[in-house]
Amino acid sequence: MIPYFSLASGFLTGKYRRESDLKGVRGAGAGSMLNSRGFKILAALDTVSAELNANPAQVALAWLMAKPGITAPIASATSPEQLQDLIAATRLVLPPQAVALLDEAGA
């Protein structure tokens, strides 16, 4: 499986946390995720990010890459900084307890 919207239209970067953050075309796609499940996932991403000294985008992509059925998550970058995050995600290894926390939040 190759997920196309691996960062959920930017939602899993942590950039969109309230209605006022949903400006522009990219923000519009993340609006449907501003709900209790989405907030649980963001909280788990924040926890794991803090523990691993990474950011939510890196953790979200590493989470996908930790799944046996995922061949390669597709993600895009609109700046050199975002590209560096994508590259860093390929080197991030999530401990089993982090994967479990993220899986539980996303269930």
PDB file of N, CA and C in Angstrom:
ATOM      1  N   MET A   1       0.845  -1.162   0.000  1.00  0.00           N
ATOM      2  CA  MET A   1       0.000   0.000   0.000  1.00  0.00           C
ATOM      3  C   MET A   1       0.898   1.236   0.000  1.00  0.00           C
ATOM      4  N   ILE A   2       0.498   2.221  -0.782  1.00  0.00           N
ATOM      5  CA  ILE A   2       1.214   3.497  -0.838  1.00  0.00           C
ATOM      6  C   ILE A   2       0.207   4.600  -0.520  1.00  0.00           C
ATOM      7  N   PRO A   3       0.173   5.085   0.730  1.00  0.00           N
ATOM      8  CA  PRO A   3      -0.788   6.138   1.085  1.00  0.00           C
ATOM      9  C   PRO A   3      -0.447   7.452   0.392  1.00  0.00           C
ATOM     10  N   TYR A   4      -1.458   8.067  -0.196  1.00  0.00           N
ATOM     11  CA  TYR A   4      -1.263   9.300  -0.965  1.00  0.00           C
ATOM     12  C   TYR A   4      -1.249  10.538  -0.078  1.00  0.00           C
ATOM     13  N   PHE A   5      -2.173  10.648   0.841  1.00  0.00           N
ATOM     14  CA  PHE A   5      -2.239  11.798   1.750  1.00  0.00           C
ATOM     15  C   PHE A   5      -1.647  11.399   3.102  1.00  0.00           C
ATOM     16  N   SER A   6      -0.373  11.084   3.117  1.00  0.00           N
ATOM     17  CA  SER A   6       0.276  10.545   4.321  1.00  0.00           C
ATOM     18  C   SER A   6       0.246  11.496   5.505  1.00  0.00           C
ATOM     19  N   LEU A   7       0.226  12.783   5.250  1.00  0.00           N
ATOM     20  CA  LEU A   7       0.159  13.757   6.341  1.00  0.00           C
ATOM     21  C   LEU A   7      -1.246  14.341   6.485  1.00  0.00           C
ATOM     22  N   ALA A   8      -2.233  13.652   5.899  1.00  0.00           N
ATOM     23  CA  ALA A   8      -3.638  14.036   6.036  1.00  0.00           C
ATOM     24  C   ALA A   8      -3.858  15.515   5.708  1.00  0.00           C
ATOM     25  N   SER A   9      -3.431  15.890   4.519  1.00  0.00           N
ATOM     26  CA  SER A   9      -3.572  17.282   4.045  1.00  0.00           C
ATOM     27  C   SER A   9      -2.917  18.288   4.989  1.00  0.00           C
ATOM     28  N   GLY A  10      -1.848  17.865   5.630  1.00  0.00           N
ATOM     29  CA  GLY A  10      -1.123  18.748   6.545  1.00  0.00           C
ATOM     30  C   GLY A  10      -1.574  18.666   7.985  1.00  0.00           C
ATOM     31  N   PHE A  11      -2.688  18.003   8.238  1.00  0.00           N
ATOM     32  CA  PHE A  11      -3.205  17.916   9.607  1.00  0.00           C
ATOM     33  C   PHE A  11      -2.198  17.263  10.555  1.00  0.00           C
ATOM     34  N   LEU A  12      -1.537  16.197  10.100  1.00  0.00           N
ATOM     35  CA  LEU A  12      -0.616  15.470  10.969  1.00  0.00           C
ATOM     36  C   LEU A  12       0.711  16.198  11.195  1.00  0.00           C
ATOM     37  N   THR A  13       0.871  17.357  10.597  1.00  0.00           N
ATOM     38  CA  THR A  13       2.048  18.175  10.896  1.00  0.00           C
ATOM     39  C   THR A  13       1.838  18.955  12.181  1.00  0.00           C
ATOM     40  N   GLY A  14       0.593  19.035  12.643  1.00  0.00           N
ATOM     41  CA  GLY A  14       0.265  19.812  13.834  1.00  0.00           C
ATOM     42  C   GLY A  14      -0.037  21.264  13.523  1.00  0.00           C
ATOM     43  N   LYS A  15      -0.006  21.619  12.251  1.00  0.00           N
ATOM     44  CA  LYS A  15      -0.225  23.009  11.835  1.00  0.00           C
ATOM     45  C   LYS A  15      -1.676  23.454  12.014  1.00  0.00           C
ATOM     46  N   TYR A  16      -2.601  22.521  11.889  1.00  0.00           N
ATOM     47  CA  TYR A  16      -4.024  22.849  11.959  1.00  0.00           C
ATOM     48  C   TYR A  16      -4.615  22.297  13.253  1.00  0.00           C
ATOM     49  N   ARG A  17      -4.875  23.169  14.199  1.00  0.00           N
ATOM     50  CA  ARG A  17      -5.393  22.738  15.503  1.00  0.00           C
ATOM     51  C   ARG A  17      -6.696  23.423  15.879  1.00  0.00           C
ATOM     52  N   ARG A  18      -7.081  24.448  15.129  1.00  0.00           N
ATOM     53  CA  ARG A  18      -8.346  25.141  15.385  1.00  0.00           C
ATOM     54  C   ARG A  18      -8.867  25.714  14.067  1.00  0.00           C
ATOM     55  N   GLU A  19     -10.111  26.078  14.061  1.00  0.00           N
ATOM     56  CA  GLU A  19     -10.757  26.597  12.851  1.00  0.00           C
ATOM     57  C   GLU A  19      -9.977  27.760  12.226  1.00  0.00           C
ATOM     58  N   SER A  20      -9.428  28.631  13.052  1.00  0.00           N
ATOM     59  CA  SER A  20      -8.718  29.800  12.538  1.00  0.00           C
ATOM     60  C   SER A  20      -7.428  29.432  11.801  1.00  0.00           C
ATOM     61  N   ASP A  21      -6.942  28.202  11.964  1.00  0.00           N
ATOM     62  CA  ASP A  21      -5.733  27.747  11.263  1.00  0.00           C
ATOM     63  C   ASP A  21      -6.026  27.278   9.839  1.00  0.00           C
ATOM     64  N   LEU A  22      -7.279  27.133   9.492  1.00  0.00           N
ATOM     65  CA  LEU A  22      -7.663  26.507   8.223  1.00  0.00           C
ATOM     66  C   LEU A  22      -7.727  27.476   7.050  1.00  0.00           C
ATOM     67  N   LYS A  23      -6.794  28.378   6.966  1.00  0.00           N
ATOM     68  CA  LYS A  23      -6.783  29.339   5.859  1.00  0.00           C
ATOM     69  C   LYS A  23      -6.115  28.718   4.643  1.00  0.00           C
ATOM     70  N   GLY A  24      -6.568  29.114   3.467  1.00  0.00           N
ATOM     71  CA  GLY A  24      -5.950  28.656   2.237  1.00  0.00           C
ATOM     72  C   GLY A  24      -6.460  27.305   1.783  1.00  0.00           C
ATOM     73  N   VAL A  25      -5.982  26.902   0.615  1.00  0.00           N
ATOM     74  CA  VAL A  25      -6.411  25.655  -0.012  1.00  0.00           C
ATOM     75  C   VAL A  25      -5.969  24.447   0.804  1.00  0.00           C
ATOM     76  N   ARG A  26      -4.748  24.454   1.278  1.00  0.00           N
ATOM     77  CA  ARG A  26      -4.246  23.311   2.052  1.00  0.00           C
ATOM     78  C   ARG A  26      -5.001  23.150   3.365  1.00  0.00           C
ATOM     79  N   GLY A  27      -5.311  24.238   4.006  1.00  0.00           N
ATOM     80  CA  GLY A  27      -6.037  24.192   5.270  1.00  0.00           C
ATOM     81  C   GLY A  27      -7.434  23.636   5.124  1.00  0.00           C
ATOM     82  N   ALA A  28      -8.054  23.885   3.988  1.00  0.00           N
ATOM     83  CA  ALA A  28      -9.421  23.419   3.772  1.00  0.00           C
ATOM     84  C   ALA A  28      -9.509  21.895   3.861  1.00  0.00           C
ATOM     85  N   GLY A  29      -8.501  21.189   3.387  1.00  0.00           N
ATOM     86  CA  GLY A  29      -8.507  19.735   3.425  1.00  0.00           C
ATOM     87  C   GLY A  29      -8.399  19.164   4.822  1.00  0.00           C
ATOM     88  N   ALA A  30      -7.840  19.925   5.734  1.00  0.00           N
ATOM     89  CA  ALA A  30      -7.633  19.439   7.100  1.00  0.00           C
ATOM     90  C   ALA A  30      -8.834  19.703   8.005  1.00  0.00           C
ATOM     91  N   GLY A  31      -9.769  20.507   7.565  1.00  0.00           N
ATOM     92  CA  GLY A  31     -10.902  20.890   8.403  1.00  0.00           C
ATOM     93  C   GLY A  31     -11.735  19.743   8.910  1.00  0.00           C
ATOM     94  N   SER A  32     -11.896  18.709   8.107  1.00  0.00           N
ATOM     95  CA  SER A  32     -12.728  17.581   8.523  1.00  0.00           C
ATOM     96  C   SER A  32     -12.086  16.766   9.645  1.00  0.00           C
ATOM     97  N   MET A  33     -10.826  17.031   9.931  1.00  0.00           N
ATOM     98  CA  MET A  33     -10.127  16.265  10.971  1.00  0.00           C
ATOM     99  C   MET A  33     -10.108  16.974  12.321  1.00  0.00           C
ATOM    100  N   LEU A  34     -10.692  18.159  12.380  1.00  0.00           N
ATOM    101  CA  LEU A  34     -10.781  18.880  13.653  1.00  0.00           C
ATOM    102  C   LEU A  34     -11.947  18.310  14.454  1.00  0.00           C
ATOM    103  N   ASN A  35     -11.712  17.158  15.036  1.00  0.00           N
ATOM    104  CA  ASN A  35     -12.733  16.469  15.837  1.00  0.00           C
ATOM    105  C   ASN A  35     -12.032  15.707  16.956  1.00  0.00           C
ATOM    106  N   SER A  36     -12.768  15.006  17.774  1.00  0.00           N
ATOM    107  CA  SER A  36     -12.166  14.349  18.940  1.00  0.00           C
ATOM    108  C   SER A  36     -11.094  13.335  18.537  1.00  0.00           C
ATOM    109  N   ARG A  37     -11.336  12.578  17.482  1.00  0.00           N
ATOM    110  CA  ARG A  37     -10.335  11.599  17.027  1.00  0.00           C
ATOM    111  C   ARG A  37      -9.078  12.320  16.558  1.00  0.00           C
ATOM    112  N   GLY A  38      -9.246  13.371  15.772  1.00  0.00           N
ATOM    113  CA  GLY A  38      -8.105  14.132  15.289  1.00  0.00           C
ATOM    114  C   GLY A  38      -7.289  14.721  16.421  1.00  0.00           C
ATOM    115  N   PHE A  39      -7.971  15.253  17.431  1.00  0.00           N
ATOM    116  CA  PHE A  39      -7.265  15.844  18.569  1.00  0.00           C
ATOM    117  C   PHE A  39      -6.527  14.778  19.388  1.00  0.00           C
ATOM    118  N   LYS A  40      -7.103  13.566  19.464  1.00  0.00           N
ATOM    119  CA  LYS A  40      -6.415  12.463  20.151  1.00  0.00           C
ATOM    120  C   LYS A  40      -5.126  12.101  19.419  1.00  0.00           C
ATOM    121  N   ILE A  41      -5.204  12.062  18.107  1.00  0.00           N
ATOM    122  CA  ILE A  41      -4.022  11.740  17.310  1.00  0.00           C
ATOM    123  C   ILE A  41      -2.961  12.830  17.465  1.00  0.00           C
ATOM    124  N   LEU A  42      -3.377  14.093  17.419  1.00  0.00           N
ATOM    125  CA  LEU A  42      -2.410  15.181  17.602  1.00  0.00           C
ATOM    126  C   LEU A  42      -1.750  15.117  18.978  1.00  0.00           C
ATOM    127  N   ALA A  43      -2.523  14.803  19.999  1.00  0.00           N
ATOM    128  CA  ALA A  43      -1.958  14.694  21.344  1.00  0.00           C
ATOM    129  C   ALA A  43      -0.913  13.577  21.404  1.00  0.00           C
ATOM    130  N   ALA A  44      -1.218  12.448  20.783  1.00  0.00           N
ATOM    131  CA  ALA A  44      -0.260  11.340  20.756  1.00  0.00           C
ATOM    132  C   ALA A  44       0.983  11.720  19.959  1.00  0.00           C
ATOM    133  N   LEU A  45       0.795  12.388  18.828  1.00  0.00           N
ATOM    134  CA  LEU A  45       1.943  12.853  18.036  1.00  0.00           C
ATOM    135  C   LEU A  45       2.807  13.811  18.844  1.00  0.00           C
ATOM    136  N   ASP A  46       2.164  14.711  19.578  1.00  0.00           N
ATOM    137  CA  ASP A  46       2.906  15.664  20.412  1.00  0.00           C
ATOM    138  C   ASP A  46       3.719  14.936  21.485  1.00  0.00           C
ATOM    139  N   THR A  47       3.117  13.930  22.108  1.00  0.00           N
ATOM    140  CA  THR A  47       3.803  13.168  23.152  1.00  0.00           C
ATOM    141  C   THR A  47       5.032  12.455  22.591  1.00  0.00           C
ATOM    142  N   VAL A  48       4.835  11.755  21.487  1.00  0.00           N
ATOM    143  CA  VAL A  48       5.938  11.002  20.882  1.00  0.00           C
ATOM    144  C   VAL A  48       6.993  11.966  20.343  1.00  0.00           C
ATOM    145  N   SER A  49       6.572  13.058  19.751  1.00  0.00           N
ATOM    146  CA  SER A  49       7.516  14.050  19.227  1.00  0.00           C
ATOM    147  C   SER A  49       8.416  14.586  20.331  1.00  0.00           C
ATOM    148  N   ALA A  50       7.831  14.902  21.468  1.00  0.00           N
ATOM    149  CA  ALA A  50       8.610  15.423  22.589  1.00  0.00           C
ATOM    150  C   ALA A  50       9.601  14.377  23.099  1.00  0.00           C
ATOM    151  N   GLU A  51       9.152  13.127  23.172  1.00  0.00           N
ATOM    152  CA  GLU A  51      10.025  12.053  23.662  1.00  0.00           C
ATOM    153  C   GLU A  51      11.205  11.793  22.733  1.00  0.00           C
ATOM    154  N   LEU A  52      10.991  11.959  21.424  1.00  0.00           N
ATOM    155  CA  LEU A  52      12.026  11.614  20.441  1.00  0.00           C
ATOM    156  C   LEU A  52      12.740  12.838  19.868  1.00  0.00           C
ATOM    157  N   ASN A  53      12.408  14.021  20.382  1.00  0.00           N
ATOM    158  CA  ASN A  53      13.005  15.255  19.875  1.00  0.00           C
ATOM    159  C   ASN A  53      12.815  15.367  18.359  1.00  0.00           C
ATOM    160  N   ALA A  54      11.589  15.155  17.932  1.00  0.00           N
ATOM    161  CA  ALA A  54      11.217  15.222  16.521  1.00  0.00           C
ATOM    162  C   ALA A  54       9.977  16.099  16.418  1.00  0.00           C
ATOM    163  N   ASN A  55       9.510  16.342  15.210  1.00  0.00           N
ATOM    164  CA  ASN A  55       8.271  17.096  15.082  1.00  0.00           C
ATOM    165  C   ASN A  55       7.145  16.162  14.632  1.00  0.00           C
ATOM    166  N   PRO A  56       5.887  16.615  14.740  1.00  0.00           N
ATOM    167  CA  PRO A  56       4.760  15.733  14.407  1.00  0.00           C
ATOM    168  C   PRO A  56       4.801  15.161  12.988  1.00  0.00           C
ATOM    169  N   ALA A  57       5.240  15.929  12.009  1.00  0.00           N
ATOM    170  CA  ALA A  57       5.301  15.412  10.635  1.00  0.00           C
ATOM    171  C   ALA A  57       6.275  14.244  10.544  1.00  0.00           C
ATOM    172  N   GLN A  58       7.427  14.386  11.171  1.00  0.00           N
ATOM    173  CA  GLN A  58       8.417  13.305  11.151  1.00  0.00           C
ATOM    174  C   GLN A  58       7.860  12.053  11.824  1.00  0.00           C
ATOM    175  N   VAL A  59       7.211  12.239  12.951  1.00  0.00           N
ATOM    176  CA  VAL A  59       6.656  11.101  13.688  1.00  0.00           C
ATOM    177  C   VAL A  59       5.526  10.450  12.889  1.00  0.00           C
ATOM    178  N   ALA A  60       4.658  11.252  12.292  1.00  0.00           N
ATOM    179  CA  ALA A  60       3.543  10.692  11.515  1.00  0.00           C
ATOM    180  C   ALA A  60       4.051   9.839  10.360  1.00  0.00           C
ATOM    181  N   LEU A  61       5.067  10.318   9.666  1.00  0.00           N
ATOM    182  CA  LEU A  61       5.610   9.542   8.547  1.00  0.00           C
ATOM    183  C   LEU A  61       6.340   8.293   9.042  1.00  0.00           C
ATOM    184  N   ALA A  62       7.089   8.422  10.133  1.00  0.00           N
ATOM    185  CA  ALA A  62       7.768   7.253  10.700  1.00  0.00           C
ATOM    186  C   ALA A  62       6.749   6.214  11.162  1.00  0.00           C
ATOM    187  N   TRP A  63       5.617   6.689  11.691  1.00  0.00           N
ATOM    188  CA  TRP A  63       4.533   5.791  12.119  1.00  0.00           C
ATOM    189  C   TRP A  63       4.031   4.976  10.932  1.00  0.00           C
ATOM    190  N   LEU A  64       3.808   5.646   9.816  1.00  0.00           N
ATOM    191  CA  LEU A  64       3.369   4.926   8.617  1.00  0.00           C
ATOM    192  C   LEU A  64       4.430   3.932   8.147  1.00  0.00           C
ATOM    193  N   MET A  65       5.681   4.375   8.138  1.00  0.00           N
ATOM    194  CA  MET A  65       6.758   3.500   7.661  1.00  0.00           C
ATOM    195  C   MET A  65       6.975   2.305   8.584  1.00  0.00           C
ATOM    196  N   ALA A  66       6.509   2.402   9.830  1.00  0.00           N
ATOM    197  CA  ALA A  66       6.636   1.286  10.777  1.00  0.00           C
ATOM    198  C   ALA A  66       5.611   0.190  10.517  1.00  0.00           C
ATOM    199  N   LYS A  67       4.619   0.484   9.693  1.00  0.00           N
ATOM    200  CA  LYS A  67       3.559  -0.477   9.400  1.00  0.00           C
ATOM    201  C   LYS A  67       4.015  -1.448   8.311  1.00  0.00           C
ATOM    202  N   PRO A  68       3.870  -2.752   8.539  1.00  0.00           N
ATOM    203  CA  PRO A  68       4.354  -3.728   7.563  1.00  0.00           C
ATOM    204  C   PRO A  68       3.689  -3.634   6.187  1.00  0.00           C
ATOM    205  N   GLY A  69       2.452  -3.201   6.114  1.00  0.00           N
ATOM    206  CA  GLY A  69       1.756  -3.149   4.836  1.00  0.00           C
ATOM    207  C   GLY A  69       2.016  -1.890   4.024  1.00  0.00           C
ATOM    208  N   ILE A  70       2.758  -0.955   4.581  1.00  0.00           N
ATOM    209  CA  ILE A  70       3.028   0.312   3.890  1.00  0.00           C
ATOM    210  C   ILE A  70       4.341   0.197   3.132  1.00  0.00           C
ATOM    211  N   THR A  71       4.280   0.398   1.829  1.00  0.00           N
ATOM    212  CA  THR A  71       5.479   0.360   1.003  1.00  0.00           C
ATOM    213  C   THR A  71       6.223   1.679   1.092  1.00  0.00           C
ATOM    214  N   ALA A  72       5.504   2.771   0.843  1.00  0.00           N
ATOM    215  CA  ALA A  72       6.126   4.102   0.876  1.00  0.00           C
ATOM    216  C   ALA A  72       5.039   5.149   1.005  1.00  0.00           C
ATOM    217  N   PRO A  73       5.057   5.928   2.086  1.00  0.00           N
ATOM    218  CA  PRO A  73       4.079   7.010   2.200  1.00  0.00           C
ATOM    219  C   PRO A  73       4.457   8.165   1.266  1.00  0.00           C
ATOM    220  N   ILE A  74       3.470   8.757   0.650  1.00  0.00           N
ATOM    221  CA  ILE A  74       3.702   9.902  -0.230  1.00  0.00           C
ATOM    222  C   ILE A  74       3.430  11.173   0.566  1.00  0.00           C
ATOM    223  N   ALA A  75       4.384  12.092   0.533  1.00  0.00           N
ATOM    224  CA  ALA A  75       4.227  13.379   1.212  1.00  0.00           C
ATOM    225  C   ALA A  75       4.907  14.437   0.361  1.00  0.00           C
ATOM    226  N   SER A  76       4.405  15.645   0.441  1.00  0.00           N
ATOM    227  CA  SER A  76       4.997  16.727  -0.336  1.00  0.00           C
ATOM    228  C   SER A  76       5.534  17.807   0.587  1.00  0.00           C
ATOM    229  N   ALA A  77       6.469  18.579   0.047  1.00  0.00           N
ATOM    230  CA  ALA A  77       7.075  19.687   0.785  1.00  0.00           C
ATOM    231  C   ALA A  77       6.924  20.956  -0.036  1.00  0.00           C
ATOM    232  N   THR A  78       6.655  22.044   0.653  1.00  0.00           N
ATOM    233  CA  THR A  78       6.552  23.333  -0.037  1.00  0.00           C
ATOM    234  C   THR A  78       7.684  24.273   0.352  1.00  0.00           C
ATOM    235  N   SER A  79       8.645  23.756   1.138  1.00  0.00           N
ATOM    236  CA  SER A  79       9.801  24.564   1.528  1.00  0.00           C
ATOM    237  C   SER A  79      10.975  23.633   1.798  1.00  0.00           C
ATOM    238  N   PRO A  80      12.189  24.173   1.772  1.00  0.00           N
ATOM    239  CA  PRO A  80      13.351  23.330   2.098  1.00  0.00           C
ATOM    240  C   PRO A  80      13.280  22.752   3.515  1.00  0.00           C
ATOM    241  N   GLU A  81      12.705  23.498   4.448  1.00  0.00           N
ATOM    242  CA  GLU A  81      12.574  23.002   5.817  1.00  0.00           C
ATOM    243  C   GLU A  81      11.669  21.778   5.866  1.00  0.00           C
ATOM    244  N   GLN A  82      10.564  21.835   5.127  1.00  0.00           N
ATOM    245  CA  GLN A  82       9.655  20.692   5.094  1.00  0.00           C
ATOM    246  C   GLN A  82      10.324  19.486   4.444  1.00  0.00           C
ATOM    247  N   LEU A  83      11.126  19.722   3.428  1.00  0.00           N
ATOM    248  CA  LEU A  83      11.851  18.628   2.787  1.00  0.00           C
ATOM    249  C   LEU A  83      12.793  17.964   3.788  1.00  0.00           C
ATOM    250  N   GLN A  84      13.450  18.750   4.609  1.00  0.00           N
ATOM    251  CA  GLN A  84      14.338  18.196   5.629  1.00  0.00           C
ATOM    252  C   GLN A  84      13.563  17.334   6.627  1.00  0.00           C
ATOM    253  N   ASP A  85      12.336  17.752   6.956  1.00  0.00           N
ATOM    254  CA  ASP A  85      11.486  16.947   7.842  1.00  0.00           C
ATOM    255  C   ASP A  85      11.173  15.592   7.209  1.00  0.00           C
ATOM    256  N   LEU A  86      10.876  15.601   5.917  1.00  0.00           N
ATOM    257  CA  LEU A  86      10.562  14.346   5.221  1.00  0.00           C
ATOM    258  C   LEU A  86      11.767  13.413   5.238  1.00  0.00           C
ATOM    259  N   ILE A  87      12.937  13.974   4.996  1.00  0.00           N
ATOM    260  CA  ILE A  87      14.159  13.165   5.005  1.00  0.00           C
ATOM    261  C   ILE A  87      14.435  12.628   6.409  1.00  0.00           C
ATOM    262  N   ALA A  88      14.277  13.480   7.410  1.00  0.00           N
ATOM    263  CA  ALA A  88      14.526  13.059   8.797  1.00  0.00           C
ATOM    264  C   ALA A  88      13.585  11.926   9.211  1.00  0.00           C
ATOM    265  N   ALA A  89      12.370  11.928   8.689  1.00  0.00           N
ATOM    266  CA  ALA A  89      11.404  10.874   9.034  1.00  0.00           C
ATOM    267  C   ALA A  89      11.904   9.502   8.619  1.00  0.00           C
ATOM    268  N   THR A  90      12.693   9.431   7.557  1.00  0.00           N
ATOM    269  CA  THR A  90      13.195   8.127   7.098  1.00  0.00           C
ATOM    270  C   THR A  90      14.231   7.554   8.048  1.00  0.00           C
ATOM    271  N   ARG A  91      14.812   8.385   8.910  1.00  0.00           N
ATOM    272  CA  ARG A  91      15.823   7.930   9.865  1.00  0.00           C
ATOM    273  C   ARG A  91      15.257   7.735  11.274  1.00  0.00           C
ATOM    274  N   LEU A  92      14.010   8.095  11.459  1.00  0.00           N
ATOM    275  CA  LEU A  92      13.388   8.030  12.780  1.00  0.00           C
ATOM    276  C   LEU A  92      12.805   6.638  13.011  1.00  0.00           C
ATOM    277  N   VAL A  93      13.270   5.979  14.045  1.00  0.00           N
ATOM    278  CA  VAL A  93      12.757   4.651  14.403  1.00  0.00           C
ATOM    279  C   VAL A  93      11.912   4.814  15.657  1.00  0.00           C
ATOM    280  N   LEU A  94      10.651   4.464  15.547  1.00  0.00           N
ATOM    281  CA  LEU A  94       9.742   4.590  16.685  1.00  0.00           C
ATOM    282  C   LEU A  94       9.825   3.358  17.568  1.00  0.00           C
ATOM    283  N   PRO A  95       9.959   3.558  18.883  1.00  0.00           N
ATOM    284  CA  PRO A  95       9.911   2.404  19.779  1.00  0.00           C
ATOM    285  C   PRO A  95       8.510   1.798  19.777  1.00  0.00           C
ATOM    286  N   PRO A  96       8.397   0.521  20.090  1.00  0.00           N
ATOM    287  CA  PRO A  96       7.085  -0.155  20.060  1.00  0.00           C
ATOM    288  C   PRO A  96       6.012   0.563  20.883  1.00  0.00           C
ATOM    289  N   GLN A  97       6.371   1.129  22.039  1.00  0.00           N
ATOM    290  CA  GLN A  97       5.360   1.809  22.857  1.00  0.00           C
ATOM    291  C   GLN A  97       4.850   3.084  22.174  1.00  0.00           C
ATOM    292  N   ALA A  98       5.675   3.733  21.371  1.00  0.00           N
ATOM    293  CA  ALA A  98       5.230   4.910  20.637  1.00  0.00           C
ATOM    294  C   ALA A  98       4.257   4.508  19.532  1.00  0.00           C
ATOM    295  N   VAL A  99       4.574   3.427  18.832  1.00  0.00           N
ATOM    296  CA  VAL A  99       3.668   2.933  17.799  1.00  0.00           C
ATOM    297  C   VAL A  99       2.337   2.546  18.414  1.00  0.00           C
ATOM    298  N   ALA A 100       2.377   1.888  19.555  1.00  0.00           N
ATOM    299  CA  ALA A 100       1.132   1.472  20.234  1.00  0.00           C
ATOM    300  C   ALA A 100       0.310   2.688  20.646  1.00  0.00           C
ATOM    301  N   LEU A 101       0.945   3.721  21.172  1.00  0.00           N
ATOM    302  CA  LEU A 101       0.233   4.925  21.563  1.00  0.00           C
ATOM    303  C   LEU A 101      -0.434   5.583  20.365  1.00  0.00           C
ATOM    304  N   LEU A 102       0.288   5.668  19.260  1.00  0.00           N
ATOM    305  CA  LEU A 102      -0.263   6.273  18.045  1.00  0.00           C
ATOM    306  C   LEU A 102      -1.381   5.412  17.457  1.00  0.00           C
ATOM    307  N   ASP A 103      -1.193   4.098  17.466  1.00  0.00           N
ATOM    308  CA  ASP A 103      -2.236   3.187  16.968  1.00  0.00           C
ATOM    309  C   ASP A 103      -3.515   3.334  17.779  1.00  0.00           C
ATOM    310  N   GLU A 104      -3.366   3.413  19.092  1.00  0.00           N
ATOM    311  CA  GLU A 104      -4.538   3.547  19.960  1.00  0.00           C
ATOM    312  C   GLU A 104      -5.267   4.866  19.695  1.00  0.00           C
ATOM    313  N   ALA A 105      -4.505   5.942  19.525  1.00  0.00           N
ATOM    314  CA  ALA A 105      -5.109   7.249  19.261  1.00  0.00           C
ATOM    315  C   ALA A 105      -5.826   7.258  17.914  1.00  0.00           C
ATOM    316  N   GLY A 106      -5.270   6.574  16.944  1.00  0.00           N
ATOM    317  CA  GLY A 106      -5.841   6.578  15.607  1.00  0.00           C
ATOM    318  C   GLY A 106      -6.964   5.576  15.393  1.00  0.00           C
ATOM    319  N   ALA A 107      -7.187   4.696  16.369  1.00  0.00           N
ATOM    320  CA  ALA A 107      -8.216   3.650  16.213  1.00  0.00           C
ATOM    321  C   ALA A 107      -9.618   4.231  16.222  1.00  0.00           C
TER     322      ALA A 107
END
